[in-house]
């Protein structure tokens, strides 16, 4: 059971990390209206990088949950 719980906890941690990366807590929201063009472009690039990392975290969480399901059924 410890392998199963480890996989489930790992999946939950990666899901929380993906939510934090894509949320406004880490600046994932909208660009501010008083930004100049260069700052807005840098902001958008950083947002794209955060969203890529959030997607990777979701994929890792899905893999961990799938592995937990396989371990549970064996």
C-alpha atoms as a PDB file:
ATOM      1  CA  UNK A   1       0.000   0.000   0.000  1.00  0.00           C
ATOM      2  CA  UNK A   2       2.893   2.398   0.468  1.00  0.00           C
ATOM      3  CA  UNK A   3       3.694   2.423  -3.260  1.00  0.00           C
ATOM      4  CA  UNK A   4       0.068   3.206  -4.024  1.00  0.00           C
ATOM      5  CA  UNK A   5      -0.098   6.061  -1.531  1.00  0.00           C
ATOM      6  CA  UNK A   6       3.221   7.452  -2.778  1.00  0.00           C
ATOM      7  CA  UNK A   7       1.940   7.499  -6.359  1.00  0.00           C
ATOM      8  CA  UNK A   8      -1.331   9.135  -5.310  1.00  0.00           C
ATOM      9  CA  UNK A   9       0.391  11.794  -3.199  1.00  0.00           C
ATOM     10  CA  UNK A  10       2.852  12.494  -5.995  1.00  0.00           C
ATOM     11  CA  UNK A  11       0.000  12.933  -8.451  1.00  0.00           C
ATOM     12  CA  UNK A  12      -1.843  15.290  -6.116  1.00  0.00           C
ATOM     13  CA  UNK A  13       1.293  17.362  -5.522  1.00  0.00           C
ATOM     14  CA  UNK A  14       1.888  17.716  -9.259  1.00  0.00           C
ATOM     15  CA  UNK A  15      -1.760  18.738  -9.786  1.00  0.00           C
ATOM     16  CA  UNK A  16      -1.464  21.427  -7.106  1.00  0.00           C
ATOM     17  CA  UNK A  17       1.786  22.616  -8.675  1.00  0.00           C
ATOM     18  CA  UNK A  18       0.134  22.880 -12.083  1.00  0.00           C
ATOM     19  CA  UNK A  19      -2.732  24.914 -10.602  1.00  0.00           C
ATOM     20  CA  UNK A  20      -0.276  27.267  -8.900  1.00  0.00           C
ATOM     21  CA  UNK A  21       1.759  27.698 -12.085  1.00  0.00           C
ATOM     22  CA  UNK A  22      -1.311  28.589 -14.119  1.00  0.00           C
ATOM     23  CA  UNK A  23      -3.007  30.799 -11.525  1.00  0.00           C
ATOM     24  CA  UNK A  24      -2.786  34.508 -10.830  1.00  0.00           C
ATOM     25  CA  UNK A  25      -0.862  33.759  -7.631  1.00  0.00           C
ATOM     26  CA  UNK A  26       2.316  33.452  -9.696  1.00  0.00           C
ATOM     27  CA  UNK A  27       1.312  36.113 -12.211  1.00  0.00           C
ATOM     28  CA  UNK A  28      -0.539  33.879 -14.614  1.00  0.00           C
ATOM     29  CA  UNK A  29      -3.408  36.314 -15.094  1.00  0.00           C
ATOM     30  CA  UNK A  30      -3.899  39.142 -17.545  1.00  0.00           C
ATOM     31  CA  UNK A  31      -1.301  41.721 -18.508  1.00  0.00           C
ATOM     32  CA  UNK A  32      -1.685  45.046 -16.760  1.00  0.00           C
ATOM     33  CA  UNK A  33      -3.109  47.882 -18.831  1.00  0.00           C
ATOM     34  CA  UNK A  34      -0.258  50.293 -18.079  1.00  0.00           C
ATOM     35  CA  UNK A  35       2.546  48.067 -19.461  1.00  0.00           C
ATOM     36  CA  UNK A  36       4.600  49.191 -22.415  1.00  0.00           C
ATOM     37  CA  UNK A  37       4.951  46.878 -25.418  1.00  0.00           C
ATOM     38  CA  UNK A  38       8.301  45.384 -24.445  1.00  0.00           C
ATOM     39  CA  UNK A  39       7.204  44.611 -20.885  1.00  0.00           C
ATOM     40  CA  UNK A  40       3.958  43.084 -22.156  1.00  0.00           C
ATOM     41  CA  UNK A  41       5.897  40.874 -24.575  1.00  0.00           C
ATOM     42  CA  UNK A  42       8.240  39.668 -21.825  1.00  0.00           C
ATOM     43  CA  UNK A  43       5.197  39.046 -19.624  1.00  0.00           C
ATOM     44  CA  UNK A  44       3.532  36.965 -22.348  1.00  0.00           C
ATOM     45  CA  UNK A  45       6.710  34.922 -22.924  1.00  0.00           C
ATOM     46  CA  UNK A  46       7.034  34.160 -19.218  1.00  0.00           C
ATOM     47  CA  UNK A  47       3.352  33.234 -19.079  1.00  0.00           C
ATOM     48  CA  UNK A  48       3.823  30.797 -21.976  1.00  0.00           C
ATOM     49  CA  UNK A  49       6.744  29.165 -20.175  1.00  0.00           C
ATOM     50  CA  UNK A  50       4.685  28.826 -16.977  1.00  0.00           C
ATOM     51  CA  UNK A  51       1.796  27.309 -18.909  1.00  0.00           C
ATOM     52  CA  UNK A  52       4.138  24.777 -20.534  1.00  0.00           C
ATOM     53  CA  UNK A  53       5.419  23.776 -17.104  1.00  0.00           C
ATOM     54  CA  UNK A  54       1.839  23.542 -15.822  1.00  0.00           C
ATOM     55  CA  UNK A  55       0.955  21.230 -18.711  1.00  0.00           C
ATOM     56  CA  UNK A  56       3.995  19.080 -17.966  1.00  0.00           C
ATOM     57  CA  UNK A  57       2.916  18.834 -14.320  1.00  0.00           C
ATOM     58  CA  UNK A  58      -0.574  17.735 -15.388  1.00  0.00           C
ATOM     59  CA  UNK A  59       0.921  15.075 -17.651  1.00  0.00           C
ATOM     60  CA  UNK A  60       3.180  13.775 -14.871  1.00  0.00           C
ATOM     61  CA  UNK A  61       0.189  13.700 -12.502  1.00  0.00           C
ATOM     62  CA  UNK A  62      -1.823  11.695 -15.030  1.00  0.00           C
ATOM     63  CA  UNK A  63       1.051   9.246 -15.435  1.00  0.00           C
ATOM     64  CA  UNK A  64       1.326   8.857 -11.653  1.00  0.00           C
ATOM     65  CA  UNK A  65      -2.430   8.322 -11.273  1.00  0.00           C
ATOM     66  CA  UNK A  66      -2.367   5.747 -14.081  1.00  0.00           C
ATOM     67  CA  UNK A  67       0.527   3.958 -12.398  1.00  0.00           C
ATOM     68  CA  UNK A  68      -1.398   4.019  -9.102  1.00  0.00           C
ATOM     69  CA  UNK A  69      -4.396   2.480 -10.847  1.00  0.00           C
ATOM     70  CA  UNK A  70      -2.201  -0.251 -12.312  1.00  0.00           C
ATOM     71  CA  UNK A  71      -0.602  -0.964  -8.924  1.00  0.00           C
ATOM     72  CA  UNK A  72      -4.039  -1.087  -7.290  1.00  0.00           C
ATOM     73  CA  UNK A  73      -5.350  -3.586  -9.862  1.00  0.00           C
ATOM     74  CA  UNK A  74      -2.325  -5.881  -9.583  1.00  0.00           C
END
